[in-house]
Protein backbone atom coordinates (compact mmCIF):
# COMPACT_ATOMS: atom_id res chain seq x y z
CA MET A 1 20.79 -206.54 13.91
CA SER A 2 21.93 -204.93 10.68
CA SER A 3 25.37 -204.01 12.08
CA ILE A 4 27.52 -204.34 15.16
CA LYS A 5 27.54 -201.13 17.19
CA LYS A 6 29.64 -199.62 19.94
CA ILE A 7 27.22 -198.69 22.71
CA TYR A 8 28.10 -196.49 25.65
CA PHE A 9 25.90 -196.99 28.73
CA SER A 10 25.90 -194.18 31.28
CA ILE A 11 24.07 -195.22 34.45
CA ASN A 12 23.09 -193.42 37.65
CA GLY A 13 25.05 -195.23 40.36
CA LEU A 14 22.88 -194.35 43.36
CA GLY A 15 21.27 -197.60 44.54
CA PHE A 16 20.82 -200.70 42.39
CA GLY A 17 17.50 -200.02 40.61
CA HIS A 18 19.05 -198.18 37.64
CA SER A 19 21.78 -200.80 37.30
CA SER A 20 19.49 -203.84 37.43
CA ARG A 21 17.12 -202.54 34.77
CA CYS A 22 20.01 -201.51 32.49
CA ASN A 23 21.59 -204.94 32.97
CA TYR A 24 18.48 -206.43 31.35
CA ILE A 25 19.29 -204.47 28.17
CA ILE A 26 23.06 -204.97 28.42
CA GLN A 27 22.73 -208.76 28.48
CA PHE A 28 20.58 -208.59 25.35
CA LEU A 29 23.02 -206.28 23.55
CA LEU A 30 25.97 -208.53 24.35
CA LYS A 31 24.09 -211.54 22.98
CA GLU A 32 23.56 -209.50 19.83
CA LYS A 33 27.39 -209.15 19.64
CA HIS A 34 27.49 -205.40 20.27
CA LYS A 35 30.45 -203.83 22.04
CA VAL A 36 29.22 -202.34 25.33
CA TYR A 37 30.97 -199.84 27.60
CA ILE A 38 29.52 -198.93 31.01
CA SER A 39 30.13 -195.68 32.86
CA THR A 40 28.81 -195.48 36.42
CA TYR A 41 29.86 -194.90 40.02
CA TYR A 42 29.07 -195.72 43.67
CA ASP A 43 26.63 -198.69 44.03
CA GLY A 44 26.40 -198.99 40.25
CA TYR A 45 30.13 -199.64 39.93
CA ASN A 46 29.99 -202.30 42.66
CA TYR A 47 27.09 -203.94 40.82
CA PHE A 48 28.68 -204.06 37.34
CA SER A 49 32.35 -204.60 38.27
CA ASN A 50 31.45 -208.16 39.31
CA LEU A 51 29.75 -208.87 35.98
CA TYR A 52 31.57 -207.33 33.02
CA LYS A 53 34.73 -205.79 31.62
CA ASN A 54 34.81 -202.29 30.10
CA ILE A 55 33.46 -200.71 33.30
CA ILE A 56 34.44 -197.09 33.81
CA ASN A 57 34.35 -195.93 37.43
CA ASN A 58 33.47 -192.25 37.59
CA LYS A 59 34.07 -190.06 40.62
CA GLU A 60 31.44 -190.57 43.28
CA ILE A 61 28.96 -187.77 43.80
CA LYS A 62 28.54 -187.81 47.54
CA TYR A 63 25.00 -187.74 48.87
CA TYR A 64 24.05 -187.52 52.53
CA PHE A 65 21.26 -189.43 54.20
CA ASP A 66 19.45 -188.76 57.44
CA ASP A 67 19.32 -191.19 60.35
CA ARG A 68 16.37 -192.99 58.72
CA GLY A 69 18.16 -193.69 55.46
CA ARG A 70 16.43 -190.96 53.46
CA LEU A 71 18.34 -188.89 50.91
CA SER A 72 18.66 -185.42 52.44
CA PHE A 73 18.92 -182.47 50.03
CA LYS A 74 19.43 -180.14 52.99
CA ILE A 75 22.40 -182.00 54.49
CA THR A 76 23.91 -182.70 51.06
CA LEU A 77 23.79 -179.03 50.03
CA SER A 78 24.99 -177.71 53.39
CA ARG A 79 28.02 -180.03 53.48
CA GLU A 80 28.83 -180.63 49.83
CA PHE A 81 27.51 -177.70 47.76
CA ILE A 82 30.88 -176.70 46.30
CA LYS A 83 32.23 -180.26 46.16
CA PHE A 84 28.99 -181.40 44.49
CA GLN A 85 29.45 -178.88 41.67
CA ILE A 86 33.10 -179.81 41.23
CA SER A 87 32.25 -183.53 41.18
CA TRP A 88 29.50 -182.96 38.63
CA LEU A 89 31.83 -180.93 36.39
CA PHE A 90 34.36 -183.74 36.72
CA HIS A 91 31.66 -186.20 35.61
CA LEU A 92 30.97 -184.01 32.58
CA PHE A 93 34.70 -183.83 31.72
CA ILE A 94 35.09 -187.61 32.08
CA GLU A 95 32.07 -188.24 29.86
CA PHE A 96 33.51 -185.98 27.15
CA ARG A 97 36.87 -187.76 27.43
CA ASN A 98 35.29 -191.22 27.31
CA LEU A 99 33.07 -190.44 24.34
CA LEU A 100 35.93 -188.89 22.37
CA ALA A 101 38.13 -191.94 23.08
CA ILE A 102 35.50 -194.66 22.50
CA LYS A 103 33.56 -192.95 19.68
CA PRO A 104 30.34 -194.90 20.31
CA ASP A 105 27.54 -195.18 17.78
CA VAL A 106 24.90 -194.75 20.48
CA VAL A 107 24.85 -193.43 24.04
CA ILE A 108 22.19 -194.91 26.33
CA CYS A 109 21.81 -192.81 29.46
CA ASP A 110 19.85 -193.85 32.54
CA SER A 111 19.20 -190.68 34.55
CA ARG A 112 22.62 -189.02 34.13
CA ILE A 113 22.44 -185.52 32.71
CA SER A 114 26.23 -185.14 32.28
CA SER A 115 26.27 -187.86 29.63
CA VAL A 116 23.32 -186.37 27.75
CA ILE A 117 25.06 -182.97 27.62
CA ALA A 118 28.33 -184.48 26.41
CA SER A 119 26.77 -186.76 23.77
CA ASN A 120 24.51 -183.97 22.49
CA LEU A 121 27.37 -181.50 22.09
CA LEU A 122 29.41 -184.19 20.31
CA GLY A 123 26.51 -185.03 18.00
CA ILE A 124 26.18 -188.67 19.11
CA LYS A 125 22.78 -190.39 18.98
CA THR A 126 21.40 -190.56 22.53
CA ILE A 127 18.63 -192.57 24.17
CA VAL A 128 17.51 -191.56 27.68
CA ILE A 129 15.95 -194.00 30.13
CA SER A 130 14.01 -192.39 32.97
CA ASN A 131 10.91 -192.87 35.07
CA GLN A 132 11.40 -189.57 36.94
CA ILE A 133 11.36 -186.35 34.95
CA PHE A 134 9.94 -184.28 37.81
CA VAL A 135 11.97 -184.42 41.04
CA GLU A 136 9.97 -183.67 44.17
CA ILE A 137 12.21 -182.51 47.02
CA PRO A 138 11.42 -184.51 50.19
CA ARG A 139 9.81 -182.58 53.01
CA ILE A 140 8.21 -184.07 56.12
CA LYS A 141 7.91 -181.14 58.52
CA PRO A 142 5.14 -178.55 57.96
CA MET A 143 6.16 -175.65 55.70
CA ASN A 144 5.39 -171.98 55.98
CA SER A 145 4.51 -170.10 52.79
CA PHE A 146 8.10 -168.92 52.16
CA ILE A 147 9.62 -172.41 52.52
CA LYS A 148 6.90 -173.82 50.30
CA PHE A 149 7.65 -171.14 47.69
CA LEU A 150 11.38 -171.99 47.76
CA LYS A 151 10.62 -175.69 47.50
CA ASN A 152 8.29 -175.21 44.49
CA LEU A 153 10.77 -172.84 42.83
CA SER A 154 13.67 -175.28 43.30
CA GLU A 155 11.62 -178.18 41.95
CA ARG A 156 10.63 -176.14 38.90
CA ILE A 157 14.24 -175.11 38.18
CA ILE A 158 15.45 -178.73 38.49
CA TYR A 159 12.60 -179.87 36.22
CA GLU A 160 13.37 -177.25 33.56
CA ILE A 161 17.06 -178.16 33.50
CA ILE A 162 16.44 -181.91 33.36
CA PHE A 163 13.74 -181.78 30.72
CA TYR A 164 15.66 -179.28 28.58
CA TRP A 165 18.46 -181.83 28.17
CA TRP A 166 16.27 -184.93 28.17
CA ARG A 167 14.41 -183.67 25.08
CA LYS A 168 17.76 -183.22 23.27
CA ALA A 169 17.94 -187.01 23.11
CA LYS A 170 16.65 -188.97 20.13
CA TYR A 171 14.25 -190.88 22.37
CA ILE A 172 13.09 -190.74 26.00
CA ILE A 173 12.35 -194.26 27.18
CA ILE A 174 9.92 -194.66 30.09
CA PRO A 175 10.21 -198.20 31.56
CA ASP A 176 6.57 -198.24 32.53
CA ILE A 177 3.03 -198.88 31.27
CA LYS A 178 1.29 -196.35 29.06
CA PRO A 179 -1.27 -193.98 30.65
CA PRO A 180 -3.68 -194.30 32.38
CA TYR A 181 -1.90 -197.18 34.11
CA THR A 182 1.53 -195.57 34.45
CA VAL A 183 2.97 -196.40 37.88
CA SER A 184 5.37 -193.44 37.85
CA SER A 185 2.75 -190.99 36.51
CA LYS A 186 3.24 -188.42 39.32
CA ASN A 187 6.97 -188.30 38.56
CA ILE A 188 6.52 -187.69 34.82
CA ARG A 189 5.23 -184.25 33.89
CA ILE A 190 5.30 -183.17 30.24
CA LYS A 191 4.79 -179.49 29.40
CA ASN A 192 4.01 -179.74 25.70
CA ILE A 193 2.13 -182.37 23.71
CA ALA A 194 4.87 -182.10 21.05
CA ASN A 195 7.32 -183.63 23.55
CA PHE A 196 5.37 -186.90 23.46
CA LYS A 197 6.85 -187.61 20.02
CA LYS A 198 10.14 -188.60 21.66
CA ILE A 199 8.61 -190.44 24.60
CA ILE A 200 8.12 -194.19 24.37
CA PHE A 201 6.53 -196.27 27.13
CA ILE A 202 8.52 -199.45 26.72
CA GLY A 203 7.22 -201.49 29.65
CA PRO A 204 9.25 -202.53 32.74
CA LEU A 205 12.85 -203.57 32.19
CA ILE A 206 12.98 -206.67 34.36
CA PHE A 207 13.38 -210.39 33.85
CA LEU A 208 12.96 -213.57 35.83
CA ASP A 209 15.50 -216.39 35.64
CA LYS A 210 12.92 -219.13 35.51
CA ILE A 211 9.29 -219.60 34.51
CA PHE A 212 7.41 -221.25 37.34
CA ASN A 213 4.32 -223.41 37.23
CA TYR A 214 2.42 -221.63 39.98
CA LYS A 215 -0.22 -224.33 40.35
CA ASN A 216 2.38 -226.92 41.35
CA ILE A 217 4.06 -224.79 44.01
CA LYS A 218 3.00 -225.44 47.59
CA GLU A 219 2.98 -222.26 49.64
CA ASP A 220 4.50 -222.19 53.11
CA ASN A 221 3.26 -220.12 56.04
CA MET A 222 5.88 -217.56 55.12
CA ILE A 223 6.24 -213.90 54.14
CA THR A 224 9.19 -212.77 52.02
CA ILE A 225 10.62 -209.28 52.53
CA LEU A 226 12.74 -207.78 49.73
CA ILE A 227 14.78 -204.77 50.85
CA ALA A 228 16.09 -202.52 48.07
CA GLY A 229 17.67 -199.08 47.75
CA THR A 230 21.00 -197.58 48.77
CA LEU A 231 23.10 -199.23 51.45
CA GLN A 232 21.92 -196.64 53.99
CA GLU A 233 18.29 -197.32 53.11
CA ARG A 234 18.76 -201.06 53.40
CA PHE A 235 20.24 -200.83 56.90
CA SER A 236 17.53 -198.38 57.94
CA TYR A 237 14.78 -200.71 56.72
CA LEU A 238 16.47 -203.70 58.33
CA LYS A 239 16.63 -201.91 61.69
CA TYR A 240 12.91 -201.05 61.56
CA ILE A 241 11.92 -204.54 60.42
CA LEU A 242 13.94 -206.31 63.11
CA ASN A 243 12.35 -204.08 65.77
CA LEU A 244 8.91 -204.96 64.40
CA LEU A 245 9.55 -208.68 64.25
CA ASN A 246 11.52 -209.06 67.48
CA ASN A 247 9.07 -211.54 68.91
CA SER A 248 9.39 -215.30 69.37
CA ASN A 249 5.60 -215.76 69.00
CA LEU A 250 5.31 -214.62 65.40
CA ILE A 251 2.42 -216.21 63.51
CA TYR A 252 4.30 -216.27 60.21
CA LYS A 253 7.84 -217.06 59.22
CA TYR A 254 9.67 -214.16 57.61
CA ASN A 255 12.53 -214.43 55.14
CA ILE A 256 14.31 -211.10 54.77
CA PHE A 257 16.57 -210.56 51.75
CA THR A 258 18.78 -207.51 52.31
CA GLY A 259 21.06 -207.71 49.25
CA ILE A 260 24.00 -206.63 51.46
CA ARG A 261 27.10 -208.50 50.30
CA TYR A 262 29.08 -208.46 53.54
CA LEU A 263 26.13 -209.33 55.82
CA LYS A 264 26.25 -212.95 56.98
CA ASN A 265 23.04 -214.96 56.93
CA PHE A 266 21.56 -215.46 60.38
CA ARG A 267 18.39 -216.73 62.01
CA LYS A 268 16.41 -215.31 64.90
CA ASN A 269 13.19 -216.93 66.12
CA ASN A 270 10.92 -217.09 63.04
CA LEU A 271 13.18 -214.80 61.03
CA ASN A 272 15.73 -215.75 58.39
CA ILE A 273 17.94 -212.81 57.41
CA PHE A 274 20.00 -213.15 54.24
CA GLY A 275 22.83 -211.06 52.83
CA TYR A 276 23.50 -211.16 49.10
CA MET A 277 21.88 -214.27 47.61
CA ASP A 278 21.61 -215.89 44.20
CA LYS A 279 18.69 -214.49 42.18
CA GLN A 280 17.17 -217.88 41.47
CA PHE A 281 17.25 -218.83 45.16
CA ILE A 282 15.33 -215.63 45.97
CA GLU A 283 12.75 -216.28 43.25
CA GLU A 284 12.16 -219.86 44.40
CA ASN A 285 11.67 -218.57 47.94
CA ILE A 286 9.20 -215.93 46.76
CA HIS A 287 7.04 -218.44 44.92
CA LYS A 288 6.69 -220.50 48.10
CA SER A 289 5.55 -217.46 50.10
CA LYS A 290 2.02 -216.34 50.86
CA ALA A 291 2.88 -212.68 50.25
CA LEU A 292 5.65 -210.19 49.63
CA ILE A 293 6.78 -207.05 51.38
CA VAL A 294 8.79 -204.64 49.19
CA THR A 295 10.23 -201.17 49.77
CA GLY A 296 8.74 -199.16 46.91
CA GLY A 297 11.46 -198.83 44.27
CA HIS A 298 10.12 -198.64 40.71
CA THR A 299 11.87 -201.84 39.62
CA SER A 300 10.89 -203.64 42.86
CA LEU A 301 7.21 -202.84 42.39
CA PHE A 302 7.15 -204.29 38.88
CA GLU A 303 9.08 -207.34 40.04
CA ALA A 304 6.36 -207.91 42.66
CA ILE A 305 3.75 -207.77 39.89
CA PHE A 306 5.71 -210.24 37.77
CA PHE A 307 5.94 -212.65 40.70
CA GLU A 308 2.12 -212.61 40.88
CA LYS A 309 2.09 -212.46 44.65
CA PRO A 310 0.00 -210.10 46.79
CA PHE A 311 2.31 -207.50 48.29
CA ILE A 312 2.58 -204.73 50.87
CA VAL A 313 4.88 -201.75 50.42
CA PHE A 314 6.88 -200.59 53.45
CA LEU A 315 7.74 -196.92 52.96
CA LEU A 316 9.94 -194.39 54.71
CA LYS A 317 8.51 -190.89 54.99
CA GLY A 318 10.20 -188.43 52.67
CA HIS A 319 10.97 -190.93 49.89
CA THR A 320 8.75 -189.02 47.48
CA GLU A 321 9.38 -191.03 44.31
CA LYS A 322 8.73 -194.35 46.03
CA ILE A 323 5.66 -192.97 47.78
CA ASN A 324 4.21 -191.66 44.51
CA ASN A 325 4.83 -194.94 42.68
CA SER A 326 3.31 -196.99 45.50
CA ILE A 327 0.22 -194.76 45.73
CA SER A 328 -0.38 -195.31 42.01
CA LEU A 329 -0.49 -199.08 42.50
CA LYS A 330 -2.61 -198.80 45.63
CA LYS A 331 -5.17 -196.77 43.66
CA MET A 332 -5.26 -199.62 41.15
CA GLY A 333 -6.07 -201.97 44.05
CA ALA A 334 -2.87 -203.99 43.60
CA CYS A 335 -1.25 -203.51 47.02
CA GLU A 336 -1.35 -201.94 50.45
CA ILE A 337 1.12 -199.32 51.63
CA VAL A 338 2.27 -198.44 55.13
CA PHE A 339 4.87 -196.08 56.60
CA ILE A 340 7.19 -198.29 58.57
CA GLU A 341 8.01 -195.56 61.12
CA ASP A 342 4.35 -195.58 62.23
CA LEU A 343 4.08 -199.37 62.54
CA ASN A 344 4.31 -201.44 65.72
CA GLN A 345 4.16 -205.21 66.28
CA LYS A 346 0.45 -205.25 67.08
CA ASP A 347 -0.40 -203.15 64.02
CA LEU A 348 1.77 -205.38 61.82
CA GLU A 349 0.00 -208.57 62.92
CA LYS A 350 -3.40 -206.97 62.32
CA LEU A 351 -2.24 -205.63 58.94
CA MET A 352 -0.97 -209.05 57.83
CA GLU A 353 -4.14 -210.79 59.02
CA ASN A 354 -6.45 -208.40 57.13
CA PHE A 355 -4.22 -208.35 54.08
CA LEU A 356 -3.95 -212.12 53.74
CA SER A 357 -7.68 -212.59 54.27
CA ASN A 358 -8.15 -210.46 51.14
CA ARG A 359 -5.13 -211.75 49.24
CA TYR A 360 -7.11 -212.96 46.22
CA MET A 361 -8.68 -209.54 45.78
CA TYR A 362 -5.18 -208.05 45.47
CA LEU A 363 -4.03 -210.94 43.33
CA ASN A 364 -6.82 -210.36 40.80
CA LYS A 365 -5.73 -206.74 40.39
CA ILE A 366 -2.10 -207.82 40.05
CA LEU A 367 -3.02 -210.35 37.35
CA ALA A 368 -4.95 -207.64 35.49
CA ILE A 369 -1.84 -205.42 35.46
CA ARG A 370 0.28 -208.42 34.48
CA ASP A 371 -2.01 -208.91 31.47
CA LEU A 372 -1.37 -205.30 30.40
CA LEU A 373 2.35 -206.06 30.25
CA LYS A 374 1.91 -208.78 27.62
CA GLU A 375 1.77 -206.18 24.84
CA TYR A 376 5.24 -204.87 25.68
CA GLN A 377 8.43 -206.27 24.16
CA PRO A 378 11.08 -203.90 25.52
CA LEU A 379 14.09 -205.65 24.01
CA LEU A 380 12.61 -205.77 20.51
CA THR A 381 11.66 -202.12 20.86
CA PHE A 382 15.22 -201.27 21.81
CA LYS A 383 16.46 -203.21 18.81
CA LYS A 384 14.34 -201.06 16.50
CA LEU A 385 15.37 -197.81 18.20
CA LEU A 386 19.06 -198.60 17.91
CA ASN A 387 18.76 -199.12 14.16
CA HIS A 388 16.41 -196.22 13.50
CA GLU A 389 18.29 -193.15 12.36
């Protein structure tokens, strides 16, 4: 690059999806000799504190989840409404303090509005990364007209606030494919065509550790399950999956990767359950599998496409962003989706049998989407954006 820059990364710490995609950029920036500072919290801090220095741990914003691992706006607001506002104001104060002390050349913000406000008011160049501009509040139970009105009103207010500050940034980076193939299309709603000038579809921010020769890999009679999300979500998914696969007469072997650091690996019948494992070990396992099962996160879905394996998405009801993303790929013919709460052992066996009998149909669609990704060079695009005044 033309000059070494100080870059301040502000990353949403809920779950690991935001952190993993930002890490793809951070590794590149460090190789380019830039000075990188990372501000995050919660799962994000746990993710980055094991990798780098210059990690700033912000106060956790406490979210509540229901007994199925779903983020609950209702419980969060009822228990933490005042504390939530105080914590958010504290985040804003900390971001002002950090930016004034570090004096970065660029702020890169992944889905954290406090950092965008602070950097904008301080006149610092800001790049926003987001695949969710419109937030749909989860609702499973039927709604009467008044509840539906409140829900729509709340969603519109949240959208107006988010997009007002997002468009203050120099660029809004969408880590996705351009329309009409945008996976997160239902979560991105733009009011004015003029706003498209700042929006750049950069392609997915993921990488694989190793390029595999697929033709030389012998597949086992095995299905790989990749569980992602917050810690509560992971345990919820694991509970459902173990109930589904609690049978010694399983046709297929299942390897379940939970990503939970303090969970010891164990084996049960035809199941292998892993805690936190090396990335390359997981990738090698995936390439020996007949199919994948993923849990619908934006990054996870694109990783499944990059692995070039047919995949099924296990969803929890009420996870609106994941549901919307997964439906987009299902409409493209690339996967099947199923709500795990509605699944039993018999249904699962029938689902896997039908799915694998049509695996090449899904694989052809996946390869077509993979071909679309060849035109994207996200790191080179970032390089240009950093230097463009």
